[in-house]
Amino acid sequence: MIRSCRVVRRVVFILCLLSAQFSSAQSSDIRLPSLGEGNASGISLELEKELGASWLRSYYRQTPLNRDYLLQDYIENLVARLKPYGLTDYALLQVLVVDNPTMNAFAVPGGVIGIHSGLLLHADSEDEVASVIAHEMAHISQRHFARSVAQAGTSGIATMAGLLAAIVLGATAGGDASLAMLAITQGASLESQLRYSRQNETESDRIGQQTLVKAGFDPAATARMFEKMLAATRYTGDLAPEYLLSHPLPQSRVIDAQTRSTQYPTRIYPNNPQYQLLATRVKVANAETSEIAVRNFGNAYHQAPNSNLAKYAYALSLQGVRRLDEAFALTEELLVASPDNLVFQSLYLELLLDSDRAGIALEYLQSLPSTQSENHVLRMQLAETYNRLNEFEQSAEVLEQQTGRRPSDPIIWYELAESYGLAGDIYNLHLARSKYFELVGSFNQSMQHIRLAKRELGNNPIEQAVLDQRIRRIAELQSQEMDL
C-alpha cells in the first residue's frame, strides 16, 4: 500500500512538471494534494469529502477569487433548483464560479461543482447551462471518482489526479496549459480506464437529463449544448473546447440525448430573462476593450432603446469607460421598470459608489425590504458602502453576519480582516486573517496570525487557551492534508 501511494505521488509530480512546460511562470508551481494511501478498491464518502476539501483549499490558494457576487449568486441559485432532484449524498454542494472565458465545467469528489463564466458566452438559455450543471451533479451523485479508482486501481488514481490538477491549471493558467495536462493524463491512462470513463459520461448524461426534467427544465437543452460544443470543435479545428477533453463527446451521445428528450411531453420552456442579463454581463466583461464594448452595445441599444437587456448592456459598458452619468440615467430607467430586480439594484449601487455617493447608496440599501436587503450580493455591497463612509465597525458587523451564513467563503473573511484593520481592531484582524489563510490552505500563515492575536490579547488565560486549541486544530488539519 505504501509503495502504491509513492507511485501515485510520483505520477502527480511528473504530471505537474510536464504541464509546467506549457504554463506561465506564475502558474508553474501549481501542486495538487496527493490522493492518499486509501484502498484503491474502495474510497469512502468521508475520504471523498476530505479530498474535496483539500482540493478546494488548493484551488483557492492558486486561483484568483471570483468577486462577481451577482454571477456567483445566480449560479448558486441554479444549483439549488437542481439539487433536490440530483440524488446527491451531499447535504451541501460547494459552487465555484471561475472567471475564465473558456467553455468548461467540472465536478470534484466531495461535492464541488465548478462553472467557468465562459459557459455563459456559449449557452443561449438557462436550460442549457442547467444541463451542464445537472451532468456534473450526476458525476458526484454516482461517485464516479471512487468507482473509477475501484475499476482501474492505481492507474485510475493517477488519471484522476491529473484531471483534478488540470482543473486548477485551467482556472489559473488558461486553456492551453490545461489542455496539455489533460492530453498527458489521458495519453498515460489505460484503455480500460477510458472505456470506464465513457460509461461514466453516458450514465451522467442519462441521470443529468432526468434531473433536468424533474427540476422543470427543457430536456432538449442537453443535446443543444452538446451540439454547441461540437460546433466549437469544428470552428477551431483540432483545438477542442476544454470541456470535451475531460468529457469526451462522440456523436452517439448527442443522438442519445436527442432521443431521450423526445420521450418527454412537448411543452414551451420560456427563457429566464435573468439569465440573459447575467450572460450579457459576462459578454461585456469579456469584450476585447471597454471602448469596443461601448461601441457594440451602444449600437445594439440605439437599435432597440426600449429593450431592458440592451439598456443594461450599454449601461455596463458605459460604466467601464467611466461615463457614469449616462450609465446612471439608463440604470434609473431600468429600476423604474423593474424596481425589485437584483441585477439592476446592484448596478445602481456600483454606480453610486463609483461616483462617490456612498451616502445615497446607504439610504437606498436601507430603504429595501428585508427580504431583499438580506441577499448576499446586497450585504457585500452594504459592507463596501460602510467602508466608503469610513464606518468600518458597521462594515465589520455586516461581514461578521455573512461569515455565519457562509463560513467557508474566503472572500468574506478577507474583507472582514480588512474592515477590522481599518477599524483599528488588530486582535480580530489577526483572527479573521487566520481563518482566511486556513480556508486557502496556507496553514503556517494561519497559525502565525493566531500567535499574533495572542500577543494582542494580553493576560487572559481562558482566551489564550482557546487560541492555543485553534493552533492545535490547524496543525492537525495540516498534518491530515499531508497524509492524504
Protein backbone atom coordinates (compact mmCIF):
# COMPACT_ATOMS: atom_id res chain seq x y z
CA MET A 1 0.00 0.00 0.00
CA ILE A 2 2.83 2.40 0.86
CA ARG A 3 4.50 1.62 -2.46
CA SER A 4 1.18 2.35 -4.25
CA CYS A 5 0.98 5.73 -2.55
CA ARG A 6 4.51 6.57 -3.62
CA VAL A 7 3.68 5.65 -7.20
CA VAL A 8 0.65 7.95 -7.13
CA ARG A 9 2.66 10.84 -5.72
CA ARG A 10 5.37 10.31 -8.32
CA VAL A 11 2.82 10.33 -11.14
CA VAL A 12 1.18 13.51 -9.86
CA PHE A 13 4.59 15.13 -9.55
CA ILE A 14 5.54 14.16 -13.12
CA LEU A 15 2.20 15.41 -14.45
CA CYS A 16 2.72 18.76 -12.77
CA LEU A 17 6.26 19.01 -14.13
CA LEU A 18 5.14 18.22 -17.68
CA SER A 19 2.25 20.66 -17.53
CA ALA A 20 4.58 23.40 -16.32
CA GLN A 21 6.25 23.39 -19.73
CA PHE A 22 3.05 24.81 -21.17
CA SER A 23 2.14 27.27 -18.40
CA SER A 24 3.29 30.70 -17.37
CA ALA A 25 5.98 31.23 -14.78
CA GLN A 26 3.31 32.38 -12.36
CA SER A 27 1.47 29.06 -12.54
CA SER A 28 4.42 26.72 -12.93
CA ASP A 29 4.40 25.84 -9.23
CA ILE A 30 0.84 24.53 -9.21
CA ARG A 31 0.50 21.48 -6.98
CA LEU A 32 -2.34 19.14 -6.20
CA PRO A 33 -2.61 17.40 -2.84
CA SER A 34 -1.67 13.72 -3.10
CA LEU A 35 -4.63 11.36 -3.32
CA GLY A 36 -3.55 9.30 -0.35
CA GLU A 37 -2.99 5.70 0.57
CA GLY A 38 -6.65 4.81 0.84
CA ASN A 39 -7.65 1.43 -0.51
CA ALA A 40 -7.85 1.81 -4.30
CA SER A 41 -10.62 -0.79 -4.37
CA GLY A 42 -12.94 1.45 -2.39
CA ILE A 43 -12.96 5.12 -1.38
CA SER A 44 -15.37 6.06 1.37
CA LEU A 45 -17.69 9.03 1.21
CA GLU A 46 -15.78 10.60 4.09
CA LEU A 47 -12.48 10.26 2.23
CA GLU A 48 -14.08 11.84 -0.83
CA LYS A 49 -15.14 14.77 1.34
CA GLU A 50 -11.60 15.12 2.69
CA LEU A 51 -10.18 15.00 -0.83
CA GLY A 52 -12.70 17.59 -2.00
CA ALA A 53 -11.88 19.91 0.90
CA SER A 54 -8.16 19.52 0.26
CA TRP A 55 -8.62 20.19 -3.46
CA LEU A 56 -10.75 23.23 -2.66
CA ARG A 57 -8.03 24.71 -0.47
CA SER A 58 -5.52 24.11 -3.26
CA TYR A 59 -7.86 25.79 -5.73
CA TYR A 60 -8.43 28.84 -3.51
CA ARG A 61 -4.71 29.16 -2.85
CA GLN A 62 -3.75 29.21 -6.53
CA THR A 63 -6.69 30.80 -8.33
CA PRO A 64 -7.82 34.44 -8.13
CA LEU A 65 -11.06 34.56 -6.15
CA ASN A 66 -14.13 35.49 -8.18
CA ARG A 67 -15.66 38.70 -6.85
CA ASP A 68 -18.64 38.86 -9.18
CA TYR A 69 -21.18 38.33 -6.42
CA LEU A 70 -24.07 38.57 -8.87
CA LEU A 71 -22.83 35.75 -11.08
CA GLN A 72 -21.95 33.62 -8.05
CA ASP A 73 -25.42 34.20 -6.59
CA TYR A 74 -27.11 33.30 -9.86
CA ILE A 75 -25.20 30.03 -10.36
CA GLU A 76 -25.71 29.04 -6.71
CA ASN A 77 -29.46 29.54 -7.09
CA LEU A 78 -29.43 27.47 -10.28
CA VAL A 79 -27.61 24.64 -8.48
CA ALA A 80 -30.11 24.91 -5.61
CA ARG A 81 -33.01 24.43 -8.04
CA LEU A 82 -31.43 21.25 -9.41
CA LYS A 83 -30.07 19.73 -6.21
CA PRO A 84 -33.34 18.30 -4.76
CA TYR A 85 -33.64 16.17 -7.88
CA GLY A 86 -29.95 15.29 -8.26
CA LEU A 87 -29.80 12.27 -5.90
CA THR A 88 -26.61 13.53 -4.28
CA ASP A 89 -25.47 12.27 -0.88
CA TYR A 90 -24.03 15.66 -0.01
CA ALA A 91 -26.14 17.99 2.11
CA LEU A 92 -24.17 20.93 0.77
CA LEU A 93 -22.66 21.39 -2.68
CA GLN A 94 -19.79 23.87 -2.94
CA VAL A 95 -20.24 26.05 -6.03
CA LEU A 96 -17.28 27.70 -7.72
CA VAL A 97 -17.63 30.28 -10.48
CA VAL A 98 -14.34 30.64 -12.33
CA ASP A 99 -13.68 33.94 -14.10
CA ASN A 100 -12.44 32.32 -17.29
CA PRO A 101 -13.78 32.71 -20.86
CA THR A 102 -13.33 29.04 -21.79
CA MET A 103 -16.29 26.67 -22.20
CA ASN A 104 -15.77 24.47 -19.18
CA ALA A 105 -17.36 22.97 -16.08
CA PHE A 106 -16.19 20.33 -13.64
CA ALA A 107 -17.09 18.18 -10.66
CA VAL A 108 -14.65 17.34 -7.88
CA PRO A 109 -15.04 14.49 -5.35
CA GLY A 110 -16.54 15.76 -2.14
CA GLY A 111 -19.37 17.78 -3.65
CA VAL A 112 -17.63 20.60 -5.54
CA ILE A 113 -19.15 21.88 -8.79
CA GLY A 114 -17.34 24.48 -10.88
CA ILE A 115 -18.59 26.59 -13.77
CA HIS A 116 -16.38 28.76 -15.96
CA SER A 117 -18.03 32.09 -16.75
CA GLY A 118 -17.28 31.37 -20.41
CA LEU A 119 -20.04 28.79 -20.42
CA LEU A 120 -22.50 31.70 -20.45
CA LEU A 121 -20.79 33.07 -23.56
CA HIS A 122 -21.89 29.95 -25.47
CA ALA A 123 -25.18 28.85 -23.90
CA ASP A 124 -28.26 30.54 -25.34
CA SER A 125 -30.52 29.74 -22.42
CA GLU A 126 -30.61 28.99 -18.73
CA ASP A 127 -31.76 25.45 -19.57
CA GLU A 128 -28.51 24.80 -21.44
CA VAL A 129 -26.36 25.92 -18.52
CA ALA A 130 -28.57 23.87 -16.20
CA SER A 131 -27.98 20.80 -18.40
CA VAL A 132 -24.23 21.08 -17.82
CA ILE A 133 -24.68 21.53 -14.07
CA ALA A 134 -27.05 18.54 -13.91
CA HIS A 135 -24.46 16.43 -15.73
CA GLU A 136 -21.73 17.42 -13.27
CA MET A 137 -24.09 16.80 -10.37
CA ALA A 138 -24.62 13.27 -11.69
CA HIS A 139 -20.86 12.63 -11.61
CA ILE A 140 -20.96 13.49 -7.91
CA SER A 141 -24.14 11.59 -7.04
CA GLN A 142 -22.91 8.45 -8.81
CA ARG A 143 -19.49 8.77 -7.15
CA HIS A 144 -17.67 8.29 -10.42
CA PHE A 145 -14.34 9.21 -8.87
CA ALA A 146 -14.49 6.34 -6.37
CA ARG A 147 -15.85 3.93 -8.96
CA SER A 148 -13.11 4.84 -11.44
CA VAL A 149 -10.44 4.22 -8.83
CA ALA A 150 -12.02 0.88 -7.93
CA GLN A 151 -12.13 -0.11 -11.61
CA ALA A 152 -8.62 0.94 -12.56
CA GLY A 153 -6.65 0.73 -9.31
CA THR A 154 -3.50 2.86 -9.11
CA SER A 155 -3.75 3.94 -12.74
CA GLY A 156 -7.23 5.26 -12.01
CA ILE A 157 -5.94 7.30 -9.10
CA ALA A 158 -3.16 8.70 -11.29
CA THR A 159 -5.61 9.59 -14.05
CA MET A 160 -7.98 11.31 -11.64
CA ALA A 161 -5.04 13.12 -10.04
CA GLY A 162 -4.09 14.51 -13.42
CA LEU A 163 -7.66 15.56 -14.21
CA LEU A 164 -8.03 17.35 -10.88
CA ALA A 165 -4.68 19.07 -11.37
CA ALA A 166 -5.80 20.14 -14.86
CA ILE A 167 -8.89 21.80 -13.38
CA VAL A 168 -6.74 24.02 -11.16
CA LEU A 169 -4.34 24.67 -14.01
CA GLY A 170 -7.13 25.57 -16.41
CA ALA A 171 -8.56 28.10 -13.97
CA THR A 172 -5.15 29.61 -13.25
CA ALA A 173 -3.00 29.45 -16.36
CA GLY A 174 -5.66 29.36 -19.05
CA GLY A 175 -6.86 26.80 -21.54
CA ASP A 176 -3.64 25.84 -23.35
CA ALA A 177 -1.83 24.65 -20.24
CA SER A 178 -4.88 22.78 -19.02
CA LEU A 179 -5.38 21.11 -22.40
CA ALA A 180 -1.78 19.96 -22.31
CA MET A 181 -2.29 18.50 -18.84
CA LEU A 182 -5.46 16.72 -19.93
CA ALA A 183 -3.77 15.32 -23.04
CA ILE A 184 -0.86 13.99 -20.98
CA THR A 185 -3.23 12.47 -18.44
CA GLN A 186 -5.43 10.72 -20.98
CA GLY A 187 -2.46 9.60 -23.04
CA ALA A 188 -0.97 7.92 -19.99
CA SER A 189 -4.17 6.15 -18.93
CA LEU A 190 -5.19 2.60 -19.76
CA GLU A 191 -7.78 1.81 -22.44
CA SER A 192 -9.93 0.09 -19.83
CA GLN A 193 -9.95 3.28 -17.79
CA LEU A 194 -11.01 5.30 -20.83
CA ARG A 195 -13.82 2.85 -21.51
CA TYR A 196 -14.95 3.20 -17.93
CA SER A 197 -14.80 6.98 -18.25
CA ARG A 198 -17.05 6.81 -21.32
CA GLN A 199 -19.50 4.70 -19.32
CA ASN A 200 -19.46 7.38 -16.61
CA GLU A 201 -20.23 10.07 -19.17
CA THR A 202 -23.15 8.09 -20.60
CA GLU A 203 -24.56 7.49 -17.15
CA SER A 204 -24.18 11.19 -16.23
CA ASP A 205 -25.94 12.16 -19.46
CA ARG A 206 -28.93 9.98 -18.60
CA ILE A 207 -29.20 10.92 -14.92
CA GLY A 208 -28.45 14.57 -15.61
CA GLN A 209 -31.22 14.74 -18.18
CA GLN A 210 -33.65 13.15 -15.71
CA THR A 211 -32.63 15.72 -13.09
CA LEU A 212 -33.16 18.49 -15.62
CA VAL A 213 -36.72 17.40 -16.36
CA LYS A 214 -37.69 16.89 -12.71
CA ALA A 215 -36.46 20.41 -11.92
CA GLY A 216 -38.65 21.86 -14.69
CA PHE A 217 -36.01 22.50 -17.36
CA ASP A 218 -36.08 21.61 -21.05
CA PRO A 219 -34.69 18.08 -21.65
CA ALA A 220 -33.73 19.06 -25.20
CA ALA A 221 -31.23 21.56 -23.76
CA THR A 222 -28.74 18.75 -23.17
CA ALA A 223 -28.48 17.90 -26.86
CA ARG A 224 -28.42 21.59 -27.83
CA MET A 225 -25.47 22.19 -25.52
CA PHE A 226 -23.68 19.15 -26.90
CA GLU A 227 -24.19 20.47 -30.44
CA LYS A 228 -22.69 23.84 -29.45
CA MET A 229 -19.62 22.07 -28.09
CA LEU A 230 -19.20 20.03 -31.26
CA ALA A 231 -19.70 23.16 -33.35
CA ALA A 232 -16.94 24.88 -31.40
CA THR A 233 -14.68 21.95 -32.29
CA ARG A 234 -15.48 22.31 -35.98
CA TYR A 235 -14.81 26.05 -35.90
CA THR A 236 -11.48 25.73 -34.12
CA GLY A 237 -10.13 22.65 -35.90
CA ASP A 238 -8.12 20.35 -33.66
CA LEU A 239 -8.39 22.65 -30.63
CA ALA A 240 -11.46 21.28 -28.86
CA PRO A 241 -13.19 23.11 -26.03
CA GLU A 242 -11.54 22.23 -22.75
CA TYR A 243 -14.75 20.59 -21.55
CA LEU A 244 -14.61 17.94 -24.27
CA LEU A 245 -11.21 16.60 -23.27
CA SER A 246 -12.40 15.72 -19.77
CA HIS A 247 -15.89 14.83 -21.09
CA PRO A 248 -15.39 13.00 -24.44
CA LEU A 249 -18.36 13.62 -26.74
CA PRO A 250 -18.85 11.14 -29.59
CA GLN A 251 -21.81 11.77 -31.91
CA SER A 252 -23.63 8.86 -30.29
CA ARG A 253 -24.01 10.81 -27.05
CA VAL A 254 -25.66 13.67 -28.92
CA ILE A 255 -28.08 11.28 -30.65
CA ASP A 256 -28.87 9.53 -27.36
CA ALA A 257 -29.62 12.87 -25.69
CA GLN A 258 -31.87 13.89 -28.58
CA THR A 259 -33.71 10.56 -28.44
CA ARG A 260 -34.28 10.76 -24.69
CA SER A 261 -35.65 14.30 -24.95
CA THR A 262 -38.41 13.10 -27.31
CA GLN A 263 -39.71 10.76 -24.62
CA TYR A 264 -40.98 13.68 -22.54
CA PRO A 265 -44.18 15.64 -23.22
CA THR A 266 -43.76 18.61 -25.52
CA ARG A 267 -44.14 21.98 -23.83
CA ILE A 268 -42.86 25.52 -24.08
CA TYR A 269 -39.92 26.42 -21.85
CA PRO A 270 -39.71 30.23 -21.60
CA ASN A 271 -36.23 31.66 -21.28
CA ASN A 272 -35.43 33.25 -17.93
CA PRO A 273 -34.75 36.97 -18.56
CA GLN A 274 -32.39 36.98 -15.57
CA TYR A 275 -30.17 34.53 -17.41
CA GLN A 276 -29.97 36.85 -20.39
CA LEU A 277 -28.90 39.69 -18.10
CA LEU A 278 -26.15 37.60 -16.49
CA ALA A 279 -24.96 36.27 -19.85
CA THR A 280 -24.82 39.86 -21.12
CA ARG A 281 -22.81 40.82 -18.04
CA VAL A 282 -20.24 38.15 -18.94
CA LYS A 283 -20.17 39.31 -22.57
CA VAL A 284 -19.49 42.92 -21.57
CA ALA A 285 -16.74 41.80 -19.18
CA ASN A 286 -15.11 39.74 -21.95
CA ALA A 287 -15.21 42.40 -24.67
CA GLU A 288 -11.85 42.98 -26.32
CA THR A 289 -11.67 46.52 -24.92
CA SER A 290 -14.00 48.78 -22.98
CA GLU A 291 -14.22 51.11 -25.97
CA ILE A 292 -15.26 48.28 -28.29
CA ALA A 293 -17.90 47.26 -25.74
CA VAL A 294 -19.33 50.79 -25.71
CA ARG A 295 -19.49 50.87 -29.49
CA ASN A 296 -21.04 47.43 -29.95
CA PHE A 297 -23.53 47.56 -27.10
CA GLY A 298 -24.28 51.20 -27.82
CA ASN A 299 -25.26 50.28 -31.37
CA ALA A 300 -27.48 47.49 -30.08
CA TYR A 301 -29.15 49.87 -27.62
CA HIS A 302 -29.85 52.54 -30.22
CA GLN A 303 -31.47 49.90 -32.42
CA ALA A 304 -33.69 48.71 -29.54
CA PRO A 305 -33.88 51.57 -26.98
CA ASN A 306 -36.87 50.02 -25.20
CA SER A 307 -35.11 46.72 -24.54
CA ASN A 308 -34.05 46.35 -20.89
CA LEU A 309 -31.41 43.86 -21.97
CA ALA A 310 -29.86 46.28 -24.46
CA LYS A 311 -30.14 49.11 -21.96
CA TYR A 312 -28.40 47.09 -19.25
CA ALA A 313 -25.58 46.04 -21.55
CA TYR A 314 -24.99 49.61 -22.66
CA ALA A 315 -25.05 50.91 -19.09
CA LEU A 316 -22.47 48.30 -18.07
CA SER A 317 -20.21 49.23 -20.97
CA LEU A 318 -20.53 52.93 -20.13
CA GLN A 319 -19.52 52.14 -16.56
CA GLY A 320 -16.38 50.52 -17.94
CA VAL A 321 -15.26 53.80 -19.57
CA ARG A 322 -16.35 55.93 -16.60
CA ARG A 323 -19.23 57.64 -18.40
CA LEU A 324 -21.07 57.36 -15.14
CA ASP A 325 -23.80 59.96 -15.61
CA GLU A 326 -25.03 58.27 -18.79
CA ALA A 327 -24.85 54.84 -17.18
CA PHE A 328 -26.67 56.15 -14.13
CA ALA A 329 -29.51 57.59 -16.22
CA LEU A 330 -30.04 54.28 -18.00
CA THR A 331 -29.95 52.34 -14.73
CA GLU A 332 -32.56 54.60 -13.18
CA GLU A 333 -34.83 53.80 -16.14
CA LEU A 334 -34.24 50.10 -15.55
CA LEU A 335 -35.19 50.41 -11.88
CA VAL A 336 -38.36 52.28 -12.74
CA ALA A 337 -39.36 49.35 -14.96
CA SER A 338 -38.18 46.64 -12.51
CA PRO A 339 -37.53 48.09 -9.04
CA ASP A 340 -37.03 44.67 -7.40
CA ASN A 341 -34.57 43.28 -9.94
CA LEU A 342 -31.34 42.39 -8.11
CA VAL A 343 -29.21 42.85 -11.23
CA PHE A 344 -30.39 46.44 -11.69
CA GLN A 345 -30.17 47.20 -7.97
CA SER A 346 -26.59 46.02 -7.85
CA LEU A 347 -25.54 48.12 -10.85
CA TYR A 348 -27.24 51.17 -9.35
CA LEU A 349 -25.22 50.72 -6.15
CA GLU A 350 -21.98 50.17 -8.07
CA LEU A 351 -22.53 53.43 -9.95
CA LEU A 352 -23.32 55.34 -6.75
CA LEU A 353 -20.08 54.12 -5.17
CA ASP A 354 -18.12 54.79 -8.39
CA SER A 355 -19.36 58.39 -8.31
CA ASP A 356 -18.55 58.89 -4.59
CA ARG A 357 -22.18 58.94 -3.48
CA ALA A 358 -21.91 56.38 -0.73
CA GLY A 359 -24.39 58.25 1.46
CA ILE A 360 -27.12 57.86 -1.16
CA ALA A 361 -26.14 54.22 -1.61
CA LEU A 362 -26.63 53.62 2.12
CA GLU A 363 -30.02 55.31 2.09
CA TYR A 364 -31.07 53.16 -0.87
CA LEU A 365 -29.92 49.93 0.78
CA GLN A 366 -31.73 50.81 3.99
CA SER A 367 -34.93 51.51 2.06
CA LEU A 368 -35.11 48.00 0.61
CA PRO A 369 -37.45 45.41 2.17
CA SER A 370 -35.64 43.00 4.47
CA THR A 371 -36.37 40.10 2.11
CA GLN A 372 -34.20 41.83 -0.47
CA SER A 373 -31.61 43.53 1.71
CA GLU A 374 -30.59 40.19 3.27
CA ASN A 375 -29.37 38.96 -0.12
CA HIS A 376 -25.64 38.14 -0.11
CA VAL A 377 -24.91 40.43 -3.08
CA LEU A 378 -26.50 43.42 -1.38
CA ARG A 379 -24.96 42.60 2.00
CA MET A 380 -21.49 42.67 0.48
CA GLN A 381 -22.30 45.98 -1.20
CA LEU A 382 -23.58 47.30 2.14
CA ALA A 383 -20.24 46.39 3.77
CA GLU A 384 -18.37 48.20 1.00
CA THR A 385 -20.67 51.21 1.38
CA TYR A 386 -19.91 51.44 5.10
CA ASN A 387 -16.20 51.30 4.31
CA ARG A 388 -16.55 54.16 1.82
CA LEU A 389 -18.23 56.17 4.58
CA ASN A 390 -15.38 55.33 6.99
CA GLU A 391 -17.85 53.44 9.16
CA PHE A 392 -15.56 50.46 9.48
CA GLU A 393 -17.11 48.92 12.59
CA GLN A 394 -20.51 48.77 10.86
CA SER A 395 -18.85 47.16 7.84
CA ALA A 396 -17.25 44.54 10.09
CA GLU A 397 -20.60 43.86 11.75
CA VAL A 398 -22.23 43.15 8.38
CA LEU A 399 -19.38 40.87 7.32
CA GLU A 400 -19.45 39.04 10.66
CA GLN A 401 -23.08 38.17 9.95
CA GLN A 402 -22.12 36.91 6.50
CA THR A 403 -19.42 34.62 7.91
CA GLY A 404 -22.18 32.96 9.93
CA ARG A 405 -24.16 32.37 6.76
CA ARG A 406 -21.20 31.43 4.55
CA PRO A 407 -18.45 30.25 6.92
CA SER A 408 -16.34 28.64 4.18
CA ASP A 409 -16.22 31.67 1.87
CA PRO A 410 -12.63 33.00 1.92
CA ILE A 411 -13.62 36.32 0.29
CA ILE A 412 -15.80 37.28 3.26
CA TRP A 413 -13.03 36.51 5.75
CA TYR A 414 -10.56 38.51 3.65
CA GLU A 415 -12.88 41.52 3.54
CA LEU A 416 -13.67 41.16 7.25
CA ALA A 417 -9.97 41.29 8.09
CA GLU A 418 -9.65 44.48 6.03
CA SER A 419 -12.56 46.11 7.85
CA TYR A 420 -11.17 45.12 11.25
CA GLY A 421 -7.83 46.62 10.26
CA LEU A 422 -9.40 49.89 9.15
CA ALA A 423 -11.37 49.99 12.41
CA GLY A 424 -8.14 49.52 14.40
CA ASP A 425 -9.26 46.17 15.83
CA ILE A 426 -5.93 44.38 15.48
CA TYR A 427 -6.88 41.36 17.56
CA ASN A 428 -9.85 40.46 15.37
CA LEU A 429 -7.87 41.42 12.26
CA HIS A 430 -5.45 38.59 13.01
CA LEU A 431 -8.23 36.13 13.79
CA ALA A 432 -10.02 36.88 10.51
CA ARG A 433 -6.78 36.60 8.55
CA SER A 434 -6.06 33.32 10.28
CA LYS A 435 -9.40 31.94 9.12
CA TYR A 436 -8.82 33.20 5.58
CA PHE A 437 -5.41 31.51 5.38
CA GLU A 438 -6.87 28.31 6.84
CA LEU A 439 -9.52 28.22 4.09
CA VAL A 440 -6.92 28.67 1.36
CA GLY A 441 -4.63 26.03 2.86
CA SER A 442 -1.81 28.34 4.00
CA PHE A 443 -1.66 26.72 7.41
CA ASN A 444 1.64 28.20 8.62
CA GLN A 445 0.37 31.72 7.95
CA SER A 446 -2.90 30.86 9.64
CA MET A 447 -1.14 29.74 12.81
CA GLN A 448 1.18 32.76 12.70
CA HIS A 449 -1.80 35.13 12.78
CA ILE A 450 -3.24 33.30 15.78
CA ARG A 451 0.08 33.79 17.57
CA LEU A 452 -0.06 37.49 16.70
CA ALA A 453 -3.60 37.61 18.09
CA LYS A 454 -2.34 36.02 21.30
CA ARG A 455 0.13 38.90 21.70
CA GLU A 456 -2.71 41.40 21.33
CA LEU A 457 -4.83 39.51 23.84
CA GLY A 458 -2.56 40.04 26.81
CA ASN A 459 -3.10 38.27 30.13
CA ASN A 460 -6.34 36.39 29.57
CA PRO A 461 -5.76 32.70 30.36
CA ILE A 462 -9.13 31.47 29.12
CA GLU A 463 -8.92 33.19 25.73
CA GLN A 464 -5.26 32.23 25.41
CA ALA A 465 -6.24 28.60 25.93
CA VAL A 466 -8.93 28.89 23.24
CA LEU A 467 -6.37 30.25 20.76
CA ASP A 468 -3.90 27.52 21.68
CA GLN A 469 -6.59 24.99 20.87
CA ARG A 470 -7.14 26.65 17.48
CA ILE A 471 -3.43 26.36 16.72
CA ARG A 472 -3.51 22.66 17.58
CA ARG A 473 -6.58 22.12 15.40
CA ILE A 474 -4.98 23.84 12.39
CA ALA A 475 -1.76 21.88 12.92
CA GLU A 476 -3.80 18.66 12.91
CA LEU A 477 -5.54 19.76 9.71
CA GLN A 478 -2.17 20.46 8.12
CA SER A 479 -0.90 17.03 9.18
CA GLN A 480 -4.00 15.32 7.80
CA GLU A 481 -3.64 17.06 4.47
CA MET A 482 -0.02 15.97 4.20
CA ASP A 483 -1.18 12.38 4.80
CA LEU A 484 -3.84 12.46 2.08
